[in-house]
Amino acid sequence: MKRFAVWMLYAVGALAIGYLALYAYVAFTGKPLQPGDPIHMFRKPDAPDYS
């Protein structure tokens, strides 16, 4: 049981390090968001423009 707990601790630590590495990659290589830029992720192409 103790060995299983140690391996689970290693797994959680590896997941945390992987998450931090992914976050750092996105933070340093991703396109920065500018205030006022529209997010077109779920916008329909034929939707009316209200602005």
PDB file of N, CA and C in Angstrom:
ATOM      1  N   MET A   1       0.826  -1.199   0.000  1.00  0.00           N
ATOM      2  CA  MET A   1       0.000   0.000   0.000  1.00  0.00           C
ATOM      3  C   MET A   1       0.868   1.259   0.000  1.00  0.00           C
ATOM      4  N   LYS A   2       1.964   1.192   0.745  1.00  0.00           N
ATOM      5  CA  LYS A   2       2.853   2.351   0.792  1.00  0.00           C
ATOM      6  C   LYS A   2       3.497   2.591  -0.579  1.00  0.00           C
ATOM      7  N   ARG A   3       3.859   1.506  -1.252  1.00  0.00           N
ATOM      8  CA  ARG A   3       4.467   1.636  -2.579  1.00  0.00           C
ATOM      9  C   ARG A   3       3.473   2.252  -3.566  1.00  0.00           C
ATOM     10  N   PHE A   4       2.194   1.848  -3.464  1.00  0.00           N
ATOM     11  CA  PHE A   4       1.159   2.420  -4.325  1.00  0.00           C
ATOM     12  C   PHE A   4       1.007   3.916  -4.060  1.00  0.00           C
ATOM     13  N   ALA A   5       1.040   4.309  -2.805  1.00  0.00           N
ATOM     14  CA  ALA A   5       0.913   5.727  -2.451  1.00  0.00           C
ATOM     15  C   ALA A   5       2.085   6.539  -3.004  1.00  0.00           C
ATOM     16  N   VAL A   6       3.262   5.969  -2.961  1.00  0.00           N
ATOM     17  CA  VAL A   6       4.434   6.667  -3.512  1.00  0.00           C
ATOM     18  C   VAL A   6       4.276   6.847  -5.015  1.00  0.00           C
ATOM     19  N   TRP A   7       3.820   5.809  -5.716  1.00  0.00           N
ATOM     20  CA  TRP A   7       3.634   5.912  -7.166  1.00  0.00           C
ATOM     21  C   TRP A   7       2.532   6.910  -7.519  1.00  0.00           C
ATOM     22  N   MET A   8       1.488   6.964  -6.709  1.00  0.00           N
ATOM     23  CA  MET A   8       0.430   7.949  -6.939  1.00  0.00           C
ATOM     24  C   MET A   8       0.964   9.368  -6.725  1.00  0.00           C
ATOM     25  N   LEU A   9       1.805   9.549  -5.727  1.00  0.00           N
ATOM     26  CA  LEU A   9       2.424  10.855  -5.506  1.00  0.00           C
ATOM     27  C   LEU A   9       3.282  11.253  -6.706  1.00  0.00           C
ATOM     28  N   TYR A  10       4.045  10.295  -7.229  1.00  0.00           N
ATOM     29  CA  TYR A  10       4.847  10.565  -8.429  1.00  0.00           C
ATOM     30  C   TYR A  10       3.951  10.931  -9.615  1.00  0.00           C
ATOM     31  N   ALA A  11       2.836  10.227  -9.771  1.00  0.00           N
ATOM     32  CA  ALA A  11       1.929  10.486 -10.895  1.00  0.00           C
ATOM     33  C   ALA A  11       1.314  11.878 -10.777  1.00  0.00           C
ATOM     34  N   VAL A  12       0.888  12.252  -9.584  1.00  0.00           N
ATOM     35  CA  VAL A  12       0.307  13.586  -9.388  1.00  0.00           C
ATOM     36  C   VAL A  12       1.369  14.661  -9.636  1.00  0.00           C
ATOM     37  N   GLY A  13       2.570  14.428  -9.172  1.00  0.00           N
ATOM     38  CA  GLY A  13       3.660  15.386  -9.415  1.00  0.00           C
ATOM     39  C   GLY A  13       3.984  15.518 -10.896  1.00  0.00           C
ATOM     40  N   ALA A  14       3.986  14.396 -11.611  1.00  0.00           N
ATOM     41  CA  ALA A  14       4.256  14.433 -13.053  1.00  0.00           C
ATOM     42  C   ALA A  14       3.153  15.181 -13.787  1.00  0.00           C
ATOM     43  N   LEU A  15       1.896  14.967 -13.380  1.00  0.00           N
ATOM     44  CA  LEU A  15       0.795  15.708 -13.997  1.00  0.00           C
ATOM     45  C   LEU A  15       0.923  17.207 -13.733  1.00  0.00           C
ATOM     46  N   ALA A  16       1.296  17.567 -12.526  1.00  0.00           N
ATOM     47  CA  ALA A  16       1.449  18.979 -12.192  1.00  0.00           C
ATOM     48  C   ALA A  16       2.576  19.618 -12.996  1.00  0.00           C
ATOM     49  N   ILE A  17       3.687  18.921 -13.132  1.00  0.00           N
ATOM     50  CA  ILE A  17       4.805  19.454 -13.915  1.00  0.00           C
ATOM     51  C   ILE A  17       4.419  19.565 -15.384  1.00  0.00           C
ATOM     52  N   GLY A  18       3.697  18.575 -15.896  1.00  0.00           N
ATOM     53  CA  GLY A  18       3.235  18.640 -17.288  1.00  0.00           C
ATOM     54  C   GLY A  18       2.289  19.806 -17.513  1.00  0.00           C
ATOM     55  N   TYR A  19       1.386  20.036 -16.560  1.00  0.00           N
ATOM     56  CA  TYR A  19       0.459  21.157 -16.675  1.00  0.00           C
ATOM     57  C   TYR A  19       1.221  22.484 -16.657  1.00  0.00           C
ATOM     58  N   LEU A  20       2.181  22.622 -15.757  1.00  0.00           N
ATOM     59  CA  LEU A  20       2.964  23.857 -15.705  1.00  0.00           C
ATOM     60  C   LEU A  20       3.786  24.064 -16.974  1.00  0.00           C
ATOM     61  N   ALA A  21       4.317  22.974 -17.529  1.00  0.00           N
ATOM     62  CA  ALA A  21       5.071  23.090 -18.778  1.00  0.00           C
ATOM     63  C   ALA A  21       4.161  23.522 -19.923  1.00  0.00           C
ATOM     64  N   LEU A  22       2.959  22.955 -19.988  1.00  0.00           N
ATOM     65  CA  LEU A  22       2.007  23.355 -21.026  1.00  0.00           C
ATOM     66  C   LEU A  22       1.600  24.812 -20.858  1.00  0.00           C
ATOM     67  N   TYR A  23       1.358  25.229 -19.618  1.00  0.00           N
ATOM     68  CA  TYR A  23       1.001  26.616 -19.348  1.00  0.00           C
ATOM     69  C   TYR A  23       2.129  27.561 -19.767  1.00  0.00           C
ATOM     70  N   ALA A  24       3.374  27.210 -19.447  1.00  0.00           N
ATOM     71  CA  ALA A  24       4.511  28.047 -19.826  1.00  0.00           C
ATOM     72  C   ALA A  24       4.648  28.113 -21.346  1.00  0.00           C
ATOM     73  N   TYR A  25       4.435  26.987 -22.033  1.00  0.00           N
ATOM     74  CA  TYR A  25       4.518  26.975 -23.493  1.00  0.00           C
ATOM     75  C   TYR A  25       3.477  27.905 -24.104  1.00  0.00           C
ATOM     76  N   VAL A  26       2.241  27.822 -23.621  1.00  0.00           N
ATOM     77  CA  VAL A  26       1.179  28.665 -24.153  1.00  0.00           C
ATOM     78  C   VAL A  26       1.421  30.132 -23.795  1.00  0.00           C
ATOM     79  N   ALA A  27       1.910  30.377 -22.592  1.00  0.00           N
ATOM     80  CA  ALA A  27       2.143  31.757 -22.159  1.00  0.00           C
ATOM     81  C   ALA A  27       3.239  32.427 -22.981  1.00  0.00           C
ATOM     82  N   PHE A  28       4.270  31.682 -23.351  1.00  0.00           N
ATOM     83  CA  PHE A  28       5.396  32.292 -24.059  1.00  0.00           C
ATOM     84  C   PHE A  28       5.274  32.237 -25.572  1.00  0.00           C
ATOM     85  N   THR A  29       4.457  31.334 -26.118  1.00  0.00           N
ATOM     86  CA  THR A  29       4.357  31.228 -27.571  1.00  0.00           C
ATOM     87  C   THR A  29       2.984  31.592 -28.103  1.00  0.00           C
ATOM     88  N   GLY A  30       2.011  31.712 -27.223  1.00  0.00           N
ATOM     89  CA  GLY A  30       0.649  31.996 -27.668  1.00  0.00           C
ATOM     90  C   GLY A  30       0.473  33.444 -28.069  1.00  0.00           C
ATOM     91  N   LYS A  31      -0.566  33.680 -28.874  1.00  0.00           N
ATOM     92  CA  LYS A  31      -0.891  35.040 -29.292  1.00  0.00           C
ATOM     93  C   LYS A  31      -1.536  35.777 -28.115  1.00  0.00           C
ATOM     94  N   PRO A  32      -1.011  36.924 -27.751  1.00  0.00           N
ATOM     95  CA  PRO A  32      -1.604  37.645 -26.622  1.00  0.00           C
ATOM     96  C   PRO A  32      -2.977  38.209 -26.984  1.00  0.00           C
ATOM     97  N   LEU A  33      -3.879  38.159 -26.035  1.00  0.00           N
ATOM     98  CA  LEU A  33      -5.218  38.708 -26.251  1.00  0.00           C
ATOM     99  C   LEU A  33      -5.192  40.213 -26.018  1.00  0.00           C
ATOM    100  N   GLN A  34      -5.754  40.947 -26.941  1.00  0.00           N
ATOM    101  CA  GLN A  34      -5.851  42.394 -26.809  1.00  0.00           C
ATOM    102  C   GLN A  34      -7.270  42.746 -26.393  1.00  0.00           C
ATOM    103  N   PRO A  35      -7.442  43.708 -25.499  1.00  0.00           N
ATOM    104  CA  PRO A  35      -8.793  44.114 -25.124  1.00  0.00           C
ATOM    105  C   PRO A  35      -9.555  44.624 -26.342  1.00  0.00           C
ATOM    106  N   GLY A  36     -10.782  44.176 -26.497  1.00  0.00           N
ATOM    107  CA  GLY A  36     -11.604  44.608 -27.609  1.00  0.00           C
ATOM    108  C   GLY A  36     -11.576  43.670 -28.799  1.00  0.00           C
ATOM    109  N   ASP A  37     -10.637  42.728 -28.834  1.00  0.00           N
ATOM    110  CA  ASP A  37     -10.598  41.764 -29.930  1.00  0.00           C
ATOM    111  C   ASP A  37     -11.774  40.802 -29.786  1.00  0.00           C
ATOM    112  N   PRO A  38     -12.564  40.636 -30.827  1.00  0.00           N
ATOM    113  CA  PRO A  38     -13.686  39.699 -30.725  1.00  0.00           C
ATOM    114  C   PRO A  38     -13.197  38.254 -30.719  1.00  0.00           C
ATOM    115  N   ILE A  39     -13.907  37.407 -30.034  1.00  0.00           N
ATOM    116  CA  ILE A  39     -13.604  35.982 -30.024  1.00  0.00           C
ATOM    117  C   ILE A  39     -14.551  35.324 -31.022  1.00  0.00           C
ATOM    118  N   HIS A  40     -14.006  34.751 -32.070  1.00  0.00           N
ATOM    119  CA  HIS A  40     -14.798  34.190 -33.165  1.00  0.00           C
ATOM    120  C   HIS A  40     -14.983  32.693 -33.029  1.00  0.00           C
ATOM    121  N   MET A  41     -14.749  32.142 -31.851  1.00  0.00           N
ATOM    122  CA  MET A  41     -14.750  30.704 -31.702  1.00  0.00           C
ATOM    123  C   MET A  41     -16.121  30.091 -32.003  1.00  0.00           C
ATOM    124  N   PHE A  42     -17.195  30.662 -31.479  1.00  0.00           N
ATOM    125  CA  PHE A  42     -18.513  30.083 -31.640  1.00  0.00           C
ATOM    126  C   PHE A  42     -19.449  30.993 -32.431  1.00  0.00           C
ATOM    127  N   ARG A  43     -18.910  31.981 -33.109  1.00  0.00           N
ATOM    128  CA  ARG A  43     -19.743  32.915 -33.847  1.00  0.00           C
ATOM    129  C   ARG A  43     -20.133  32.308 -35.194  1.00  0.00           C
ATOM    130  N   LYS A  44     -21.411  32.405 -35.509  1.00  0.00           N
ATOM    131  CA  LYS A  44     -21.883  31.920 -36.801  1.00  0.00           C
ATOM    132  C   LYS A  44     -21.476  32.915 -37.881  1.00  0.00           C
ATOM    133  N   PRO A  45     -21.105  32.447 -39.057  1.00  0.00           N
ATOM    134  CA  PRO A  45     -20.697  33.362 -40.121  1.00  0.00           C
ATOM    135  C   PRO A  45     -21.840  34.286 -40.566  1.00  0.00           C
ATOM    136  N   ASP A  46     -23.071  33.828 -40.498  1.00  0.00           N
ATOM    137  CA  ASP A  46     -24.189  34.638 -40.965  1.00  0.00           C
ATOM    138  C   ASP A  46     -24.901  35.362 -39.820  1.00  0.00           C
ATOM    139  N   ALA A  47     -24.266  35.467 -38.649  1.00  0.00           N
ATOM    140  CA  ALA A  47     -24.883  36.138 -37.503  1.00  0.00           C
ATOM    141  C   ALA A  47     -24.875  37.656 -37.739  1.00  0.00           C
ATOM    142  N   PRO A  48     -25.893  38.359 -37.273  1.00  0.00           N
ATOM    143  CA  PRO A  48     -25.924  39.814 -37.432  1.00  0.00           C
ATOM    144  C   PRO A  48     -24.856  40.493 -36.600  1.00  0.00           C
ATOM    145  N   ASP A  49     -24.389  41.636 -37.062  1.00  0.00           N
ATOM    146  CA  ASP A  49     -23.368  42.404 -36.358  1.00  0.00           C
ATOM    147  C   ASP A  49     -24.071  43.480 -35.529  1.00  0.00           C
ATOM    148  N   TYR A  50     -24.021  43.382 -34.220  1.00  0.00           N
ATOM    149  CA  TYR A  50     -24.731  44.314 -33.343  1.00  0.00           C
ATOM    150  C   TYR A  50     -23.874  45.496 -32.918  1.00  0.00           C
ATOM    151  N   SER A  51     -22.594  45.486 -33.236  1.00  0.00           N
ATOM    152  CA  SER A  51     -21.747  46.591 -32.771  1.00  0.00           C
ATOM    153  C   SER A  51     -21.746  47.776 -33.707  1.00  0.00           C
TER     154      SER A  51
END
